Amino acid sequence: MARGRGRGHKGQRRHFTTPEDIEAQRKRRENEELDSEESEEGSEDSDDEDDDDSRPKGVSGIIEIENPNRIQRKPQKNLTLETPSSSRNGPNNDSASGGEQLSRREREEIEKQRARETYQRLHAEGKTDQARADLARLAIIKQQREDAAKRREAEIKVKEAEVKAKHSMTNKALGKK
């Protein structure tokens, strides 16, 4: 069972369109377009034909398809953080500014956001364990870099002293001062 354009039927020849046939089809289409344009010019007062062109053709114009599996995203609500000083009924009241109760998810989202902000503030101050570990690691790396720089400077001085000693030896051997 062949599907699409892949294979033809067994034992039958393939059908190819000749250039003459293509040209004849093109001329027929042009003639049909010219005829439709002339008929539209003759009936300018009827707007029904313009409405037919704008509607989708075929079954899609008749049947509206609604996919039950398609998930439509709802716009996310902007959660405003409420500080304890701004709430009227005390810090334990989880009501929004309009007096409506927050859902469990909204409360959890606000709590997560508050926890994230406090953690970031403490991390910036260097009071969290991770911040302390980062600072300790940074201090070790700075110390290693300083030691390496001192070592390089000492090696450069030693090499310069060797070069000077060689020059003085060669000058002495040549009898120069």
C-alpha atoms as a PDB file:
ATOM      1  CA  MET A   1       0.000   0.000   0.000  1.00  0.00           C
ATOM      2  CA  ALA A   2       1.807   3.030  -1.252  1.00  0.00           C
ATOM      3  CA  ARG A   3       0.881   6.385   0.214  1.00  0.00           C
ATOM      4  CA  GLY A   4       1.620   9.810  -1.152  1.00  0.00           C
ATOM      5  CA  ARG A   5       3.743  10.311  -4.213  1.00  0.00           C
ATOM      6  CA  GLY A   6       6.289   7.620  -3.485  1.00  0.00           C
ATOM      7  CA  ARG A   7       5.395   4.618  -5.575  1.00  0.00           C
ATOM      8  CA  GLY A   8       2.883   3.977  -8.289  1.00  0.00           C
ATOM      9  CA  HIS A   9       0.862   0.851  -8.860  1.00  0.00           C
ATOM     10  CA  LYS A  10       2.787  -2.243  -9.825  1.00  0.00           C
ATOM     11  CA  GLY A  11       3.017  -2.878 -13.529  1.00  0.00           C
ATOM     12  CA  GLN A  12       1.655   0.495 -14.576  1.00  0.00           C
ATOM     13  CA  ARG A  13       3.493   3.231 -16.368  1.00  0.00           C
ATOM     14  CA  ARG A  14       4.157   6.583 -14.811  1.00  0.00           C
ATOM     15  CA  HIS A  15       2.283   9.580 -16.145  1.00  0.00           C
ATOM     16  CA  PHE A  16       4.277  12.716 -16.913  1.00  0.00           C
ATOM     17  CA  THR A  17       2.734  16.043 -17.890  1.00  0.00           C
ATOM     18  CA  THR A  18       4.018  17.386 -21.180  1.00  0.00           C
ATOM     19  CA  PRO A  19       5.038  21.015 -21.569  1.00  0.00           C
ATOM     20  CA  GLU A  20       2.114  21.541 -23.972  1.00  0.00           C
ATOM     21  CA  ASP A  21      -0.348  20.344 -21.323  1.00  0.00           C
ATOM     22  CA  ILE A  22       1.174  22.698 -18.730  1.00  0.00           C
ATOM     23  CA  GLU A  23       0.898  25.645 -21.112  1.00  0.00           C
ATOM     24  CA  ALA A  24      -2.741  24.783 -21.901  1.00  0.00           C
ATOM     25  CA  GLN A  25      -3.589  24.619 -18.162  1.00  0.00           C
ATOM     26  CA  ARG A  26      -1.926  28.001 -17.586  1.00  0.00           C
ATOM     27  CA  LYS A  27      -3.940  29.595 -20.413  1.00  0.00           C
ATOM     28  CA  ARG A  28      -7.176  28.122 -19.059  1.00  0.00           C
ATOM     29  CA  ARG A  29      -6.466  29.580 -15.610  1.00  0.00           C
ATOM     30  CA  GLU A  30      -5.682  33.011 -17.075  1.00  0.00           C
ATOM     31  CA  ASN A  31      -8.910  32.970 -19.050  1.00  0.00           C
ATOM     32  CA  GLU A  32     -10.892  31.973 -15.955  1.00  0.00           C
ATOM     33  CA  GLU A  33      -9.297  34.802 -13.927  1.00  0.00           C
ATOM     34  CA  LEU A  34     -10.087  37.333 -16.643  1.00  0.00           C
ATOM     35  CA  ASP A  35     -13.684  36.135 -16.806  1.00  0.00           C
ATOM     36  CA  SER A  36     -14.086  36.385 -13.019  1.00  0.00           C
ATOM     37  CA  GLU A  37     -12.598  39.905 -13.004  1.00  0.00           C
ATOM     38  CA  GLU A  38     -15.021  41.014 -15.747  1.00  0.00           C
ATOM     39  CA  SER A  39     -17.960  39.587 -13.838  1.00  0.00           C
ATOM     40  CA  GLU A  40     -16.842  41.396 -10.657  1.00  0.00           C
ATOM     41  CA  GLU A  41     -16.588  44.712 -12.533  1.00  0.00           C
ATOM     42  CA  GLY A  42     -20.096  44.229 -13.867  1.00  0.00           C
ATOM     43  CA  SER A  43     -21.562  43.667 -10.386  1.00  0.00           C
ATOM     44  CA  GLU A  44     -19.875  46.236  -8.179  1.00  0.00           C
ATOM     45  CA  ASP A  45     -22.976  46.819  -6.081  1.00  0.00           C
ATOM     46  CA  SER A  46     -23.051  43.278  -4.658  1.00  0.00           C
ATOM     47  CA  ASP A  47     -20.861  42.843  -1.596  1.00  0.00           C
ATOM     48  CA  ASP A  48     -21.799  39.196  -1.080  1.00  0.00           C
ATOM     49  CA  GLU A  49     -18.966  37.976  -3.296  1.00  0.00           C
ATOM     50  CA  ASP A  50     -16.376  39.865  -1.213  1.00  0.00           C
ATOM     51  CA  ASP A  51     -17.708  38.231   1.962  1.00  0.00           C
ATOM     52  CA  ASP A  52     -17.412  34.764   0.371  1.00  0.00           C
ATOM     53  CA  ASP A  53     -13.703  35.366  -0.340  1.00  0.00           C
ATOM     54  CA  SER A  54     -12.965  36.296   3.276  1.00  0.00           C
ATOM     55  CA  ARG A  55     -14.580  33.156   4.745  1.00  0.00           C
ATOM     56  CA  PRO A  56     -12.489  30.006   4.961  1.00  0.00           C
ATOM     57  CA  LYS A  57     -13.331  27.498   2.280  1.00  0.00           C
ATOM     58  CA  GLY A  58     -14.224  23.867   2.752  1.00  0.00           C
ATOM     59  CA  VAL A  59     -15.200  22.137   5.954  1.00  0.00           C
ATOM     60  CA  SER A  60     -13.154  24.492   8.134  1.00  0.00           C
ATOM     61  CA  GLY A  61     -15.639  27.280   7.367  1.00  0.00           C
ATOM     62  CA  ILE A  62     -18.541  25.155   8.587  1.00  0.00           C
ATOM     63  CA  ILE A  63     -17.060  23.414  11.626  1.00  0.00           C
ATOM     64  CA  GLU A  64     -15.252  25.262  14.376  1.00  0.00           C
ATOM     65  CA  ILE A  65     -12.615  22.979  15.803  1.00  0.00           C
ATOM     66  CA  GLU A  66     -11.760  23.236  19.462  1.00  0.00           C
ATOM     67  CA  ASN A  67      -8.932  21.067  20.710  1.00  0.00           C
ATOM     68  CA  PRO A  68      -9.830  19.836  24.202  1.00  0.00           C
ATOM     69  CA  ASN A  69      -6.197  18.890  24.888  1.00  0.00           C
ATOM     70  CA  ARG A  70      -4.853  22.375  24.165  1.00  0.00           C
ATOM     71  CA  ILE A  71      -3.813  24.150  27.330  1.00  0.00           C
ATOM     72  CA  GLN A  72      -4.536  27.840  27.262  1.00  0.00           C
ATOM     73  CA  ARG A  73      -2.198  29.779  29.481  1.00  0.00           C
ATOM     74  CA  LYS A  74      -3.826  32.125  31.923  1.00  0.00           C
ATOM     75  CA  PRO A  75      -2.097  35.446  32.559  1.00  0.00           C
ATOM     76  CA  GLN A  76      -0.182  35.355  35.800  1.00  0.00           C
ATOM     77  CA  LYS A  77      -1.335  37.607  38.587  1.00  0.00           C
ATOM     78  CA  ASN A  78       1.070  40.208  39.879  1.00  0.00           C
ATOM     79  CA  LEU A  79       1.701  39.315  43.475  1.00  0.00           C
ATOM     80  CA  THR A  80       2.325  42.379  45.567  1.00  0.00           C
ATOM     81  CA  LEU A  81       4.336  41.786  48.682  1.00  0.00           C
ATOM     82  CA  GLU A  82       2.656  43.082  51.748  1.00  0.00           C
ATOM     83  CA  THR A  83       4.866  44.192  54.619  1.00  0.00           C
ATOM     84  CA  PRO A  84       3.693  43.405  58.165  1.00  0.00           C
ATOM     85  CA  SER A  85       3.510  47.116  59.015  1.00  0.00           C
ATOM     86  CA  SER A  86       1.103  47.779  56.157  1.00  0.00           C
ATOM     87  CA  SER A  87      -1.387  45.076  57.129  1.00  0.00           C
ATOM     88  CA  ARG A  88      -4.206  46.328  59.325  1.00  0.00           C
ATOM     89  CA  ASN A  89      -5.162  43.139  61.134  1.00  0.00           C
ATOM     90  CA  GLY A  90      -1.686  42.127  62.222  1.00  0.00           C
ATOM     91  CA  PRO A  91       1.261  40.279  60.664  1.00  0.00           C
ATOM     92  CA  ASN A  92      -0.478  36.884  60.667  1.00  0.00           C
ATOM     93  CA  ASN A  93      -3.317  38.007  58.387  1.00  0.00           C
ATOM     94  CA  ASP A  94      -2.762  36.792  54.822  1.00  0.00           C
ATOM     95  CA  SER A  95      -5.207  39.130  53.146  1.00  0.00           C
ATOM     96  CA  ALA A  96      -4.415  41.180  50.078  1.00  0.00           C
ATOM     97  CA  SER A  97      -4.868  44.939  49.880  1.00  0.00           C
ATOM     98  CA  GLY A  98      -8.456  44.534  48.622  1.00  0.00           C
ATOM     99  CA  GLY A  99      -9.512  42.474  51.648  1.00  0.00           C
ATOM    100  CA  GLU A 100      -9.667  39.220  49.689  1.00  0.00           C
ATOM    101  CA  GLN A 101      -8.067  36.040  51.037  1.00  0.00           C
ATOM    102  CA  LEU A 102      -4.961  34.753  49.270  1.00  0.00           C
ATOM    103  CA  SER A 103      -4.932  31.200  48.012  1.00  0.00           C
ATOM    104  CA  ARG A 104      -2.473  28.678  49.384  1.00  0.00           C
ATOM    105  CA  ARG A 105      -0.328  28.892  46.240  1.00  0.00           C
ATOM    106  CA  GLU A 106      -0.235  32.678  46.388  1.00  0.00           C
ATOM    107  CA  ARG A 107       0.771  32.586  50.069  1.00  0.00           C
ATOM    108  CA  GLU A 108       3.497  30.041  49.333  1.00  0.00           C
ATOM    109  CA  GLU A 109       4.747  32.143  46.413  1.00  0.00           C
ATOM    110  CA  ILE A 110       4.932  35.239  48.626  1.00  0.00           C
ATOM    111  CA  GLU A 111       6.747  33.273  51.328  1.00  0.00           C
ATOM    112  CA  LYS A 112       9.238  31.917  48.802  1.00  0.00           C
ATOM    113  CA  GLN A 113       9.858  35.395  47.455  1.00  0.00           C
ATOM    114  CA  ARG A 114      10.414  36.803  50.946  1.00  0.00           C
ATOM    115  CA  ALA A 115      12.772  33.952  51.842  1.00  0.00           C
ATOM    116  CA  ARG A 116      14.697  34.471  48.599  1.00  0.00           C
ATOM    117  CA  GLU A 117      15.068  38.205  49.307  1.00  0.00           C
ATOM    118  CA  THR A 118      16.278  37.654  52.878  1.00  0.00           C
ATOM    119  CA  TYR A 119      18.755  35.003  51.711  1.00  0.00           C
ATOM    120  CA  GLN A 120      20.127  37.320  49.036  1.00  0.00           C
ATOM    121  CA  ARG A 121      20.471  40.145  51.559  1.00  0.00           C
ATOM    122  CA  LEU A 122      22.271  37.887  54.052  1.00  0.00           C
ATOM    123  CA  HIS A 123      24.458  36.456  51.286  1.00  0.00           C
ATOM    124  CA  ALA A 124      25.475  39.965  50.217  1.00  0.00           C
ATOM    125  CA  GLU A 125      26.383  40.742  53.822  1.00  0.00           C
ATOM    126  CA  GLY A 126      28.420  37.528  54.026  1.00  0.00           C
ATOM    127  CA  LYS A 127      26.393  35.950  56.814  1.00  0.00           C
ATOM    128  CA  THR A 128      25.357  32.708  55.085  1.00  0.00           C
ATOM    129  CA  ASP A 129      27.408  29.507  55.079  1.00  0.00           C
ATOM    130  CA  GLN A 130      27.788  29.632  51.309  1.00  0.00           C
ATOM    131  CA  ALA A 131      28.983  33.247  51.416  1.00  0.00           C
ATOM    132  CA  ARG A 132      31.534  32.367  54.116  1.00  0.00           C
ATOM    133  CA  ALA A 133      32.780  29.414  52.081  1.00  0.00           C
ATOM    134  CA  ASP A 134      33.054  31.618  48.982  1.00  0.00           C
ATOM    135  CA  LEU A 135      34.990  34.276  50.898  1.00  0.00           C
ATOM    136  CA  ALA A 136      37.352  31.658  52.378  1.00  0.00           C
ATOM    137  CA  ARG A 137      37.947  30.183  48.916  1.00  0.00           C
ATOM    138  CA  LEU A 138      38.566  33.681  47.564  1.00  0.00           C
ATOM    139  CA  ALA A 139      41.122  34.403  50.329  1.00  0.00           C
ATOM    140  CA  ILE A 140      42.985  31.150  49.549  1.00  0.00           C
ATOM    141  CA  ILE A 141      43.107  31.976  45.846  1.00  0.00           C
ATOM    142  CA  LYS A 142      44.379  35.519  46.549  1.00  0.00           C
ATOM    143  CA  GLN A 143      47.123  34.103  48.785  1.00  0.00           C
ATOM    144  CA  GLN A 144      48.153  31.567  46.128  1.00  0.00           C
ATOM    145  CA  ARG A 145      48.319  34.285  43.476  1.00  0.00           C
ATOM    146  CA  GLU A 146      50.434  36.510  45.711  1.00  0.00           C
ATOM    147  CA  ASP A 147      52.838  33.636  46.409  1.00  0.00           C
ATOM    148  CA  ALA A 148      53.101  32.834  42.708  1.00  0.00           C
ATOM    149  CA  ALA A 149      53.809  36.492  41.892  1.00  0.00           C
ATOM    150  CA  LYS A 150      56.568  36.624  44.525  1.00  0.00           C
ATOM    151  CA  ARG A 151      58.057  33.402  43.147  1.00  0.00           C
ATOM    152  CA  ARG A 152      58.067  34.787  39.611  1.00  0.00           C
ATOM    153  CA  GLU A 153      59.750  38.006  40.756  1.00  0.00           C
ATOM    154  CA  ALA A 154      62.430  36.019  42.605  1.00  0.00           C
ATOM    155  CA  GLU A 155      63.044  33.843  39.510  1.00  0.00           C
ATOM    156  CA  ILE A 156      63.384  36.942  37.325  1.00  0.00           C
ATOM    157  CA  LYS A 157      65.913  38.459  39.755  1.00  0.00           C
ATOM    158  CA  VAL A 158      67.924  35.215  39.810  1.00  0.00           C
ATOM    159  CA  LYS A 159      67.973  35.075  35.992  1.00  0.00           C
ATOM    160  CA  GLU A 160      69.065  38.724  35.779  1.00  0.00           C
ATOM    161  CA  ALA A 161      71.865  38.044  38.279  1.00  0.00           C
ATOM    162  CA  GLU A 162      73.000  35.035  36.175  1.00  0.00           C
ATOM    163  CA  VAL A 163      72.989  37.125  33.006  1.00  0.00           C
ATOM    164  CA  LYS A 164      75.014  39.864  34.727  1.00  0.00           C
ATOM    165  CA  ALA A 165      77.479  37.296  36.050  1.00  0.00           C
ATOM    166  CA  LYS A 166      77.896  35.832  32.530  1.00  0.00           C
ATOM    167  CA  HIS A 167      78.485  39.258  31.037  1.00  0.00           C
ATOM    168  CA  SER A 168      81.041  40.111  33.693  1.00  0.00           C
ATOM    169  CA  MET A 169      82.804  36.770  33.104  1.00  0.00           C
ATOM    170  CA  THR A 170      82.899  37.284  29.340  1.00  0.00           C
ATOM    171  CA  ASN A 171      84.115  40.860  29.771  1.00  0.00           C
ATOM    172  CA  LYS A 172      86.804  39.695  32.182  1.00  0.00           C
ATOM    173  CA  ALA A 173      87.886  36.994  29.767  1.00  0.00           C
ATOM    174  CA  LEU A 174      88.058  39.532  26.938  1.00  0.00           C
ATOM    175  CA  GLY A 175      89.989  41.921  29.089  1.00  0.00           C
ATOM    176  CA  LYS A 176      87.313  44.590  29.293  1.00  0.00           C
ATOM    177  CA  LYS A 177      86.261  46.272  32.457  1.00  0.00           C
END
